[in-house]
Amino acid sequence: MIKSQTYILLLFASFILIACSDELPKINRITSKEDLPSVAIDNIESSFTEDGRIKGILKAKRMEVYDDVVEPHTKFPKGISIVFFDKNGNLESSMTAKYAIYYDKKQTWEAIGDVVMSNIKGDVLKTNHLYGDEKKQKIYTDELVRITKSNGSVIVADSGFESNSSFTIYKFIDVSGRIAVKDEFESTADTIPQK
């Protein structure tokens, strides 16, 4: 009786192993190193300095670092807010987005979803997808961009734009918009001689 129970138990165990063997690749895929961050931090606020001065402040609800992968990167899956300061400590530019990712080796980043960037002049950029390249010191996109300048002018670029990293010098692709122009000939009717 004991032998038959042992035999049934072994048979049942081998049946389970055979039945589950097809599921092993799926399980390994779910728990691969690339799917799990090596570091995850909630509610982070971090400042970065250059020559002893604060260059910027980063805030995010969650930061995930993936450094055990082919292309090391850092994700901000719950949004990001960054402010940059000039050498005198004045606000130079700022950016917010619903999602962001930074690629360590390439020194590039992507901001995705309700991206808003402002510069020292008071110009405000809005787009859905923005890229940055730290080596080339530029930001760019090939998607719709709307810029509201500090004087109220609105410029819309349907196919994107490119700018320096502080968003002070920029160019557009396929532009349309409304530009405010000061009328220099206001109240000239009073000065026209009558016949």
N, C-alpha and C. Protein backbone atom coordinates (compact mmCIF):
# COMPACT_ATOMS: atom_id res chain seq x y z
N MET A 1 0.82 -1.19 0.00
CA MET A 1 0.00 0.00 0.00
C MET A 1 0.87 1.25 0.00
N ILE A 2 1.95 1.23 0.80
CA ILE A 2 2.84 2.39 0.87
C ILE A 2 3.51 2.60 -0.47
N LYS A 3 3.89 1.48 -1.14
CA LYS A 3 4.54 1.60 -2.45
C LYS A 3 3.59 2.22 -3.47
N SER A 4 2.34 1.82 -3.44
CA SER A 4 1.39 2.36 -4.42
C SER A 4 1.12 3.84 -4.16
N GLN A 5 1.08 4.26 -2.88
CA GLN A 5 0.88 5.68 -2.57
C GLN A 5 2.10 6.49 -3.03
N THR A 6 3.30 5.95 -2.81
CA THR A 6 4.53 6.62 -3.23
C THR A 6 4.56 6.73 -4.75
N TYR A 7 4.16 5.63 -5.41
CA TYR A 7 4.13 5.61 -6.86
C TYR A 7 3.13 6.65 -7.38
N ILE A 8 1.97 6.75 -6.79
CA ILE A 8 0.94 7.72 -7.21
C ILE A 8 1.44 9.15 -6.96
N LEU A 9 2.10 9.35 -5.81
CA LEU A 9 2.63 10.67 -5.48
C LEU A 9 3.72 11.09 -6.47
N LEU A 10 4.62 10.17 -6.81
CA LEU A 10 5.67 10.46 -7.80
C LEU A 10 5.08 10.72 -9.18
N LEU A 11 4.08 9.95 -9.54
CA LEU A 11 3.41 10.13 -10.82
C LEU A 11 2.73 11.50 -10.88
N PHE A 12 2.06 11.87 -9.81
CA PHE A 12 1.38 13.16 -9.73
C PHE A 12 2.40 14.32 -9.80
N ALA A 13 3.52 14.19 -9.08
CA ALA A 13 4.56 15.23 -9.08
C ALA A 13 5.17 15.39 -10.48
N SER A 14 5.44 14.27 -11.14
CA SER A 14 6.02 14.36 -12.48
C SER A 14 5.01 14.95 -13.47
N PHE A 15 3.73 14.67 -13.28
CA PHE A 15 2.69 15.24 -14.13
C PHE A 15 2.65 16.76 -13.97
N ILE A 16 2.76 17.23 -12.73
CA ILE A 16 2.76 18.68 -12.46
C ILE A 16 3.98 19.33 -13.10
N LEU A 17 5.15 18.73 -12.97
CA LEU A 17 6.36 19.28 -13.55
C LEU A 17 6.29 19.35 -15.07
N ILE A 18 5.74 18.31 -15.68
CA ILE A 18 5.60 18.29 -17.15
C ILE A 18 4.59 19.34 -17.57
N ALA A 19 3.48 19.45 -16.85
CA ALA A 19 2.43 20.42 -17.20
C ALA A 19 2.93 21.85 -17.04
N CYS A 20 3.79 22.10 -16.05
CA CYS A 20 4.28 23.45 -15.79
C CYS A 20 5.51 23.80 -16.62
N SER A 21 6.14 22.84 -17.25
CA SER A 21 7.38 23.13 -17.97
C SER A 21 7.17 24.12 -19.11
N ASP A 22 5.98 24.13 -19.71
CA ASP A 22 5.69 25.09 -20.77
C ASP A 22 5.58 26.51 -20.24
N GLU A 23 5.29 26.68 -18.98
CA GLU A 23 5.11 27.99 -18.38
C GLU A 23 6.42 28.61 -17.89
N LEU A 24 7.50 27.85 -17.80
CA LEU A 24 8.76 28.37 -17.28
C LEU A 24 9.31 29.55 -18.08
N PRO A 25 9.31 29.52 -19.40
CA PRO A 25 9.82 30.69 -20.12
C PRO A 25 9.04 31.96 -19.81
N LYS A 26 7.72 31.87 -19.64
CA LYS A 26 6.92 33.04 -19.30
C LYS A 26 7.28 33.56 -17.93
N ILE A 27 7.48 32.67 -16.98
CA ILE A 27 7.84 33.08 -15.63
C ILE A 27 9.21 33.75 -15.63
N ASN A 28 10.18 33.18 -16.34
CA ASN A 28 11.50 33.79 -16.43
C ASN A 28 11.44 35.15 -17.09
N ARG A 29 10.60 35.29 -18.09
CA ARG A 29 10.48 36.55 -18.79
C ARG A 29 9.90 37.64 -17.88
N ILE A 30 8.96 37.29 -17.05
CA ILE A 30 8.35 38.26 -16.14
C ILE A 30 9.34 38.74 -15.11
N THR A 31 10.22 37.89 -14.66
CA THR A 31 11.15 38.26 -13.58
C THR A 31 12.58 38.46 -14.09
N SER A 32 12.76 38.83 -15.35
CA SER A 32 14.11 39.06 -15.86
C SER A 32 14.67 40.34 -15.25
N LYS A 33 15.99 40.47 -15.27
CA LYS A 33 16.66 41.64 -14.70
C LYS A 33 16.21 42.94 -15.36
N GLU A 34 15.94 42.88 -16.65
CA GLU A 34 15.56 44.09 -17.36
C GLU A 34 14.20 44.62 -16.95
N ASP A 35 13.35 43.78 -16.36
CA ASP A 35 12.03 44.22 -15.93
C ASP A 35 12.02 44.82 -14.54
N LEU A 36 13.07 44.57 -13.77
CA LEU A 36 13.10 45.03 -12.39
C LEU A 36 14.18 46.08 -12.19
N PRO A 37 13.84 47.20 -11.53
CA PRO A 37 14.87 48.21 -11.27
C PRO A 37 15.84 47.74 -10.20
N SER A 38 17.09 48.18 -10.30
CA SER A 38 18.06 47.85 -9.25
C SER A 38 17.86 48.78 -8.05
N VAL A 39 17.31 49.98 -8.30
CA VAL A 39 16.99 50.92 -7.23
C VAL A 39 15.66 51.58 -7.58
N ALA A 40 14.79 51.71 -6.59
CA ALA A 40 13.52 52.43 -6.76
C ALA A 40 13.32 53.32 -5.55
N ILE A 41 13.03 54.60 -5.79
CA ILE A 41 12.85 55.57 -4.72
C ILE A 41 11.55 56.33 -4.97
N ASP A 42 10.74 56.46 -3.94
CA ASP A 42 9.51 57.24 -4.03
C ASP A 42 9.73 58.62 -3.41
N ASN A 43 9.02 59.61 -3.97
CA ASN A 43 9.06 61.00 -3.48
C ASN A 43 10.48 61.52 -3.32
N ILE A 44 11.17 61.59 -4.46
CA ILE A 44 12.57 62.03 -4.44
C ILE A 44 12.67 63.53 -4.74
N GLU A 45 13.57 64.19 -4.06
CA GLU A 45 13.97 65.56 -4.37
C GLU A 45 15.48 65.59 -4.33
N SER A 46 16.10 65.96 -5.44
CA SER A 46 17.55 65.91 -5.54
C SER A 46 18.06 67.17 -6.22
N SER A 47 19.17 67.68 -5.74
CA SER A 47 19.78 68.84 -6.38
C SER A 47 21.13 68.42 -6.97
N PHE A 48 21.51 69.05 -8.06
CA PHE A 48 22.80 68.77 -8.66
C PHE A 48 23.57 70.07 -8.78
N THR A 49 24.87 69.98 -8.54
CA THR A 49 25.71 71.17 -8.48
C THR A 49 26.77 71.16 -9.58
N GLU A 50 27.29 72.35 -9.85
CA GLU A 50 28.39 72.51 -10.80
C GLU A 50 29.27 73.62 -10.25
N ASP A 51 30.53 73.33 -10.03
CA ASP A 51 31.48 74.28 -9.45
C ASP A 51 31.00 74.81 -8.09
N GLY A 52 30.37 73.95 -7.31
CA GLY A 52 29.93 74.32 -5.97
C GLY A 52 28.61 75.09 -5.91
N ARG A 53 27.99 75.35 -7.06
CA ARG A 53 26.72 76.07 -7.09
C ARG A 53 25.60 75.13 -7.53
N ILE A 54 24.42 75.34 -6.98
CA ILE A 54 23.27 74.52 -7.38
C ILE A 54 22.91 74.85 -8.81
N LYS A 55 22.96 73.83 -9.67
CA LYS A 55 22.64 73.98 -11.09
C LYS A 55 21.17 73.62 -11.36
N GLY A 56 20.62 72.69 -10.56
CA GLY A 56 19.24 72.30 -10.77
C GLY A 56 18.67 71.51 -9.62
N ILE A 57 17.34 71.44 -9.60
CA ILE A 57 16.62 70.65 -8.60
C ILE A 57 15.61 69.78 -9.33
N LEU A 58 15.64 68.50 -9.00
CA LEU A 58 14.75 67.52 -9.62
C LEU A 58 13.79 66.99 -8.55
N LYS A 59 12.50 66.91 -8.89
CA LYS A 59 11.50 66.32 -8.00
C LYS A 59 10.72 65.28 -8.80
N ALA A 60 10.44 64.13 -8.17
CA ALA A 60 9.66 63.08 -8.84
C ALA A 60 8.96 62.23 -7.78
N LYS A 61 7.77 61.74 -8.14
CA LYS A 61 7.04 60.85 -7.23
C LYS A 61 7.68 59.48 -7.16
N ARG A 62 8.36 59.08 -8.25
CA ARG A 62 9.05 57.78 -8.26
C ARG A 62 10.20 57.83 -9.24
N MET A 63 11.34 57.27 -8.82
CA MET A 63 12.51 57.14 -9.68
C MET A 63 12.94 55.68 -9.66
N GLU A 64 13.18 55.11 -10.85
CA GLU A 64 13.62 53.72 -10.97
C GLU A 64 14.92 53.69 -11.77
N VAL A 65 15.96 53.09 -11.19
CA VAL A 65 17.27 53.00 -11.83
C VAL A 65 17.46 51.59 -12.36
N TYR A 66 17.78 51.47 -13.63
CA TYR A 66 18.05 50.19 -14.29
C TYR A 66 19.51 50.21 -14.74
N ASP A 67 20.43 49.69 -13.90
CA ASP A 67 21.84 49.73 -14.27
C ASP A 67 22.42 48.36 -14.61
N ASP A 68 21.66 47.29 -14.45
CA ASP A 68 22.11 45.94 -14.81
C ASP A 68 21.55 45.51 -16.17
N VAL A 69 21.46 46.45 -17.11
CA VAL A 69 20.88 46.17 -18.42
C VAL A 69 21.87 46.63 -19.50
N VAL A 70 21.60 46.25 -20.73
CA VAL A 70 22.48 46.60 -21.85
C VAL A 70 22.59 48.12 -21.98
N GLU A 71 21.45 48.81 -21.88
CA GLU A 71 21.45 50.27 -21.97
C GLU A 71 20.96 50.85 -20.64
N PRO A 72 21.88 51.14 -19.70
CA PRO A 72 21.48 51.66 -18.39
C PRO A 72 20.65 52.93 -18.52
N HIS A 73 19.60 53.02 -17.71
CA HIS A 73 18.73 54.18 -17.79
C HIS A 73 18.01 54.39 -16.44
N THR A 74 17.42 55.57 -16.31
CA THR A 74 16.65 55.92 -15.13
C THR A 74 15.27 56.37 -15.61
N LYS A 75 14.22 55.81 -15.00
CA LYS A 75 12.85 56.15 -15.38
C LYS A 75 12.19 56.97 -14.27
N PHE A 76 11.31 57.85 -14.69
CA PHE A 76 10.46 58.61 -13.79
C PHE A 76 9.02 58.34 -14.23
N PRO A 77 8.45 57.19 -13.84
CA PRO A 77 7.16 56.75 -14.39
C PRO A 77 5.94 57.52 -13.87
N LYS A 78 6.11 58.29 -12.81
CA LYS A 78 4.96 59.03 -12.26
C LYS A 78 5.14 60.53 -12.39
N GLY A 79 5.98 60.94 -13.33
CA GLY A 79 6.16 62.36 -13.59
C GLY A 79 7.45 62.91 -13.03
N ILE A 80 7.80 64.10 -13.54
CA ILE A 80 9.05 64.74 -13.16
C ILE A 80 8.88 66.25 -13.22
N SER A 81 9.62 66.93 -12.37
CA SER A 81 9.68 68.39 -12.36
C SER A 81 11.14 68.77 -12.16
N ILE A 82 11.68 69.60 -13.05
CA ILE A 82 13.09 70.02 -12.97
C ILE A 82 13.17 71.53 -13.14
N VAL A 83 13.98 72.17 -12.32
CA VAL A 83 14.29 73.60 -12.51
C VAL A 83 15.80 73.74 -12.63
N PHE A 84 16.24 74.63 -13.52
CA PHE A 84 17.66 74.89 -13.75
C PHE A 84 17.96 76.34 -13.40
N PHE A 85 19.15 76.56 -12.82
CA PHE A 85 19.55 77.89 -12.42
C PHE A 85 20.81 78.30 -13.19
N ASP A 86 20.97 79.62 -13.43
CA ASP A 86 22.19 80.10 -14.08
C ASP A 86 23.30 80.23 -13.04
N LYS A 87 24.46 80.73 -13.44
CA LYS A 87 25.61 80.80 -12.53
C LYS A 87 25.40 81.78 -11.38
N ASN A 88 24.41 82.69 -11.52
CA ASN A 88 24.11 83.64 -10.46
C ASN A 88 22.98 83.16 -9.55
N GLY A 89 22.47 81.96 -9.81
CA GLY A 89 21.39 81.42 -8.98
C GLY A 89 20.00 81.82 -9.42
N ASN A 90 19.89 82.49 -10.56
CA ASN A 90 18.58 82.89 -11.09
C ASN A 90 17.96 81.73 -11.86
N LEU A 91 16.64 81.65 -11.83
CA LEU A 91 15.93 80.60 -12.56
C LEU A 91 16.18 80.76 -14.05
N GLU A 92 16.71 79.71 -14.68
CA GLU A 92 17.04 79.75 -16.10
C GLU A 92 15.96 79.09 -16.95
N SER A 93 15.52 77.89 -16.52
CA SER A 93 14.46 77.19 -17.23
C SER A 93 13.86 76.13 -16.30
N SER A 94 12.70 75.63 -16.70
CA SER A 94 12.04 74.57 -15.92
C SER A 94 11.28 73.66 -16.86
N MET A 95 11.03 72.43 -16.40
CA MET A 95 10.29 71.47 -17.22
C MET A 95 9.50 70.53 -16.33
N THR A 96 8.28 70.19 -16.76
CA THR A 96 7.48 69.15 -16.12
C THR A 96 6.97 68.20 -17.20
N ALA A 97 6.76 66.95 -16.82
CA ALA A 97 6.22 65.95 -17.75
C ALA A 97 5.61 64.82 -16.93
N LYS A 98 4.69 64.09 -17.54
CA LYS A 98 4.04 62.96 -16.86
C LYS A 98 4.95 61.74 -16.75
N TYR A 99 5.95 61.64 -17.65
CA TYR A 99 6.85 60.49 -17.68
C TYR A 99 8.17 60.95 -18.27
N ALA A 100 9.28 60.42 -17.77
CA ALA A 100 10.58 60.77 -18.32
C ALA A 100 11.53 59.59 -18.19
N ILE A 101 12.52 59.56 -19.07
CA ILE A 101 13.54 58.52 -19.03
C ILE A 101 14.88 59.15 -19.42
N TYR A 102 15.94 58.78 -18.70
CA TYR A 102 17.28 59.30 -18.96
C TYR A 102 18.20 58.12 -19.26
N TYR A 103 18.91 58.21 -20.40
CA TYR A 103 19.84 57.15 -20.82
C TYR A 103 21.26 57.57 -20.43
N ASP A 104 21.86 56.81 -19.50
CA ASP A 104 23.14 57.19 -18.90
C ASP A 104 24.29 57.29 -19.90
N LYS A 105 24.53 56.26 -20.69
CA LYS A 105 25.68 56.23 -21.60
C LYS A 105 25.57 57.28 -22.69
N LYS A 106 24.41 57.41 -23.28
CA LYS A 106 24.21 58.37 -24.37
C LYS A 106 24.08 59.80 -23.86
N GLN A 107 23.74 59.97 -22.60
CA GLN A 107 23.44 61.27 -21.99
C GLN A 107 22.32 61.97 -22.74
N THR A 108 21.26 61.19 -23.00
CA THR A 108 20.06 61.73 -23.64
C THR A 108 18.85 61.45 -22.76
N TRP A 109 17.76 62.17 -23.00
CA TRP A 109 16.54 61.95 -22.23
C TRP A 109 15.32 62.17 -23.11
N GLU A 110 14.19 61.65 -22.61
CA GLU A 110 12.89 61.82 -23.24
C GLU A 110 11.91 62.25 -22.16
N ALA A 111 11.06 63.20 -22.48
CA ALA A 111 9.96 63.60 -21.61
C ALA A 111 8.69 63.36 -22.40
N ILE A 112 7.71 62.69 -21.78
CA ILE A 112 6.52 62.26 -22.49
C ILE A 112 5.27 62.64 -21.70
N GLY A 113 4.26 63.15 -22.39
CA GLY A 113 2.97 63.43 -21.78
C GLY A 113 2.90 64.78 -21.11
N ASP A 114 2.12 65.70 -21.69
CA ASP A 114 1.92 67.05 -21.13
C ASP A 114 3.24 67.71 -20.73
N VAL A 115 4.18 67.74 -21.65
CA VAL A 115 5.48 68.35 -21.38
C VAL A 115 5.32 69.87 -21.44
N VAL A 116 5.77 70.55 -20.39
CA VAL A 116 5.73 72.01 -20.32
C VAL A 116 7.13 72.48 -19.94
N MET A 117 7.68 73.38 -20.75
CA MET A 117 9.01 73.92 -20.47
C MET A 117 8.94 75.44 -20.56
N SER A 118 9.61 76.12 -19.64
CA SER A 118 9.65 77.59 -19.68
C SER A 118 11.10 78.04 -19.61
N ASN A 119 11.36 79.26 -20.11
CA ASN A 119 12.72 79.77 -20.10
C ASN A 119 12.81 81.07 -19.32
N ILE A 120 14.01 81.63 -19.25
CA ILE A 120 14.27 82.84 -18.48
C ILE A 120 13.51 84.05 -19.02
N LYS A 121 13.16 84.02 -20.32
CA LYS A 121 12.43 85.11 -20.95
C LYS A 121 10.93 85.08 -20.63
N GLY A 122 10.45 83.93 -20.10
CA GLY A 122 9.03 83.79 -19.83
C GLY A 122 8.28 83.07 -20.94
N ASP A 123 9.00 82.56 -21.95
CA ASP A 123 8.36 81.79 -23.02
C ASP A 123 7.99 80.41 -22.46
N VAL A 124 6.82 79.89 -22.88
CA VAL A 124 6.35 78.60 -22.39
C VAL A 124 6.10 77.67 -23.58
N LEU A 125 6.75 76.52 -23.57
CA LEU A 125 6.60 75.50 -24.61
C LEU A 125 5.70 74.40 -24.10
N LYS A 126 4.79 73.93 -24.96
CA LYS A 126 3.94 72.77 -24.62
C LYS A 126 3.99 71.79 -25.78
N THR A 127 4.21 70.52 -25.45
CA THR A 127 4.23 69.46 -26.44
C THR A 127 3.93 68.14 -25.73
N ASN A 128 3.82 67.08 -26.49
CA ASN A 128 3.54 65.78 -25.88
C ASN A 128 4.79 64.91 -25.77
N HIS A 129 5.85 65.28 -26.50
CA HIS A 129 7.06 64.45 -26.51
C HIS A 129 8.25 65.36 -26.79
N LEU A 130 9.22 65.36 -25.89
CA LEU A 130 10.40 66.21 -26.04
C LEU A 130 11.65 65.38 -25.76
N TYR A 131 12.68 65.59 -26.58
CA TYR A 131 13.95 64.88 -26.42
C TYR A 131 15.04 65.88 -26.03
N GLY A 132 16.06 65.37 -25.33
CA GLY A 132 17.20 66.20 -24.98
C GLY A 132 18.49 65.44 -25.20
N ASP A 133 19.53 66.16 -25.63
CA ASP A 133 20.85 65.58 -25.84
C ASP A 133 21.86 66.47 -25.12
N GLU A 134 22.40 65.96 -24.01
CA GLU A 134 23.32 66.76 -23.20
C GLU A 134 24.64 67.03 -23.89
N LYS A 135 25.14 66.08 -24.67
CA LYS A 135 26.42 66.28 -25.37
C LYS A 135 26.30 67.40 -26.41
N LYS A 136 25.20 67.41 -27.14
CA LYS A 136 24.99 68.43 -28.17
C LYS A 136 24.33 69.69 -27.60
N GLN A 137 23.95 69.65 -26.33
CA GLN A 137 23.31 70.78 -25.65
C GLN A 137 22.09 71.28 -26.42
N LYS A 138 21.18 70.32 -26.76
CA LYS A 138 19.99 70.72 -27.49
C LYS A 138 18.78 69.93 -27.03
N ILE A 139 17.61 70.50 -27.28
CA ILE A 139 16.32 69.82 -27.08
C ILE A 139 15.59 69.88 -28.41
N TYR A 140 14.73 68.89 -28.66
CA TYR A 140 14.05 68.84 -29.95
C TYR A 140 12.84 67.91 -29.90
N THR A 141 11.99 68.03 -30.90
CA THR A 141 10.88 67.11 -31.09
C THR A 141 10.46 67.17 -32.56
N ASP A 142 9.78 66.12 -33.01
CA ASP A 142 9.22 66.13 -34.37
C ASP A 142 7.69 66.14 -34.30
N GLU A 143 7.17 66.45 -33.11
CA GLU A 143 5.72 66.50 -32.91
C GLU A 143 5.25 67.95 -32.77
N LEU A 144 3.96 68.12 -32.66
CA LEU A 144 3.34 69.44 -32.52
C LEU A 144 3.90 70.16 -31.30
N VAL A 145 4.27 71.43 -31.48
CA VAL A 145 4.79 72.27 -30.41
C VAL A 145 4.01 73.57 -30.40
N ARG A 146 3.65 74.03 -29.22
CA ARG A 146 2.98 75.32 -29.07
C ARG A 146 3.81 76.15 -28.10
N ILE A 147 4.25 77.32 -28.56
CA ILE A 147 5.04 78.20 -27.70
C ILE A 147 4.27 79.50 -27.53
N THR A 148 4.07 79.87 -26.27
CA THR A 148 3.46 81.15 -25.94
C THR A 148 4.58 82.03 -25.41
N LYS A 149 4.88 83.09 -26.15
CA LYS A 149 5.96 83.99 -25.75
C LYS A 149 5.47 84.92 -24.65
N SER A 150 6.40 85.54 -23.96
CA SER A 150 6.06 86.40 -22.83
C SER A 150 5.20 87.60 -23.25
N ASN A 151 5.28 88.01 -24.52
CA ASN A 151 4.47 89.14 -24.99
C ASN A 151 3.07 88.72 -25.45
N GLY A 152 2.73 87.44 -25.32
CA GLY A 152 1.41 86.95 -25.72
C GLY A 152 1.36 86.30 -27.09
N SER A 153 2.42 86.42 -27.87
CA SER A 153 2.47 85.79 -29.19
C SER A 153 2.39 84.28 -29.02
N VAL A 154 1.71 83.63 -29.95
CA VAL A 154 1.59 82.17 -29.93
C VAL A 154 2.13 81.63 -31.25
N ILE A 155 3.05 80.69 -31.17
CA ILE A 155 3.62 80.07 -32.36
C ILE A 155 3.38 78.58 -32.26
N VAL A 156 2.85 78.01 -33.34
CA VAL A 156 2.58 76.57 -33.38
C VAL A 156 3.40 75.97 -34.51
N ALA A 157 4.16 74.93 -34.18
CA ALA A 157 4.95 74.21 -35.18
C ALA A 157 4.39 72.80 -35.27
N ASP A 158 3.82 72.47 -36.42
CA ASP A 158 3.16 71.17 -36.59
C ASP A 158 4.14 70.00 -36.64
N SER A 159 5.35 70.25 -37.14
CA SER A 159 6.31 69.15 -37.31
C SER A 159 7.52 69.27 -36.41
N GLY A 160 7.41 70.04 -35.34
CA GLY A 160 8.46 70.07 -34.36
C GLY A 160 9.33 71.30 -34.36
N PHE A 161 10.36 71.22 -33.53
CA PHE A 161 11.29 72.32 -33.38
C PHE A 161 12.59 71.82 -32.77
N GLU A 162 13.59 72.72 -32.72
CA GLU A 162 14.89 72.42 -32.12
C GLU A 162 15.36 73.66 -31.39
N SER A 163 16.05 73.44 -30.25
CA SER A 163 16.49 74.56 -29.43
C SER A 163 17.78 74.22 -28.70
N ASN A 164 18.43 75.26 -28.17
CA ASN A 164 19.54 75.01 -27.25
C ASN A 164 18.95 74.47 -25.94
N SER A 165 19.78 73.93 -25.07
CA SER A 165 19.26 73.24 -23.88
C SER A 165 18.55 74.16 -22.90
N SER A 166 18.85 75.46 -22.92
CA SER A 166 18.16 76.38 -22.01
C SER A 166 16.90 76.98 -22.63
N PHE A 167 16.55 76.56 -23.85
CA PHE A 167 15.33 76.97 -24.54
C PHE A 167 15.28 78.50 -24.73
N THR A 168 16.42 79.08 -25.14
CA THR A 168 16.44 80.52 -25.39
C THR A 168 16.64 80.85 -26.86
N ILE A 169 17.26 79.93 -27.62
CA ILE A 169 17.44 80.11 -29.07
C ILE A 169 16.81 78.90 -29.74
N TYR A 170 15.79 79.12 -30.57
CA TYR A 170 15.10 77.97 -31.16
C TYR A 170 14.65 78.25 -32.58
N LYS A 171 14.41 77.15 -33.30
CA LYS A 171 13.89 77.24 -34.67
C LYS A 171 12.75 76.24 -34.82
N PHE A 172 11.84 76.53 -35.76
CA PHE A 172 10.64 75.73 -35.95
C PHE A 172 10.63 75.03 -37.30
N ILE A 173 9.79 74.01 -37.38
CA ILE A 173 9.54 73.31 -38.64
C ILE A 173 8.04 73.40 -38.89
N ASP A 174 7.64 73.87 -40.07
CA ASP A 174 6.24 73.97 -40.47
C ASP A 174 5.45 74.83 -39.48
N VAL A 175 5.68 76.12 -39.52
CA VAL A 175 5.16 77.06 -38.51
C VAL A 175 3.84 77.68 -38.92
N SER A 176 2.99 77.91 -37.93
CA SER A 176 1.80 78.75 -38.07
C SER A 176 1.60 79.41 -36.73
N GLY A 177 0.76 80.45 -36.67
CA GLY A 177 0.51 81.04 -35.36
C GLY A 177 0.01 82.45 -35.41
N ARG A 178 -0.13 83.04 -34.22
CA ARG A 178 -0.61 84.39 -34.04
C ARG A 178 0.50 85.16 -33.33
N ILE A 179 0.97 86.21 -33.96
CA ILE A 179 2.06 86.98 -33.38
C ILE A 179 1.57 88.39 -33.08
N ALA A 180 1.79 88.83 -31.85
CA ALA A 180 1.40 90.18 -31.44
C ALA A 180 2.43 91.18 -31.95
N VAL A 181 1.95 92.23 -32.64
CA VAL A 181 2.83 93.26 -33.16
C VAL A 181 2.33 94.60 -32.65
N LYS A 182 3.24 95.39 -32.11
CA LYS A 182 2.86 96.70 -31.61
C LYS A 182 2.60 97.62 -32.79
N ASP A 183 1.47 98.30 -32.77
CA ASP A 183 1.10 99.21 -33.84
C ASP A 183 1.79 100.55 -33.59
N GLU A 184 2.79 100.87 -34.41
CA GLU A 184 3.55 102.10 -34.23
C GLU A 184 2.84 103.30 -34.84
N PHE A 185 1.75 103.07 -35.55
CA PHE A 185 1.05 104.17 -36.20
C PHE A 185 -0.27 104.47 -35.49
N GLU A 186 -0.29 104.28 -34.20
CA GLU A 186 -1.49 104.56 -33.42
C GLU A 186 -1.75 106.07 -33.40
N SER A 187 -2.98 106.45 -33.44
CA SER A 187 -3.46 107.83 -33.37
C SER A 187 -2.74 108.79 -34.31
N THR A 188 -2.45 108.34 -35.52
CA THR A 188 -1.86 109.22 -36.53
C THR A 188 -2.92 110.01 -37.29
N ALA A 189 -4.19 109.65 -37.10
CA ALA A 189 -5.27 110.36 -37.80
C ALA A 189 -5.32 111.82 -37.42
N ASP A 190 -4.93 112.16 -36.20
CA ASP A 190 -4.97 113.55 -35.75
C ASP A 190 -3.88 114.38 -36.40
N THR A 191 -2.83 113.76 -36.89
CA THR A 191 -1.72 114.52 -37.45
C THR A 191 -1.76 114.66 -38.97
N ILE A 192 -2.78 114.08 -39.61
CA ILE A 192 -2.89 114.19 -41.07
C ILE A 192 -3.49 115.56 -41.39
N PRO A 193 -2.79 116.30 -42.27
CA PRO A 193 -3.31 117.63 -42.60
C PRO A 193 -4.64 117.55 -43.35
N GLN A 194 -5.52 118.48 -43.07
CA GLN A 194 -6.84 118.55 -43.71
C GLN A 194 -6.77 119.44 -44.94
N LYS A 195 -7.55 119.11 -45.98
CA LYS A 195 -7.61 119.96 -47.19
C LYS A 195 -8.74 120.92 -47.10
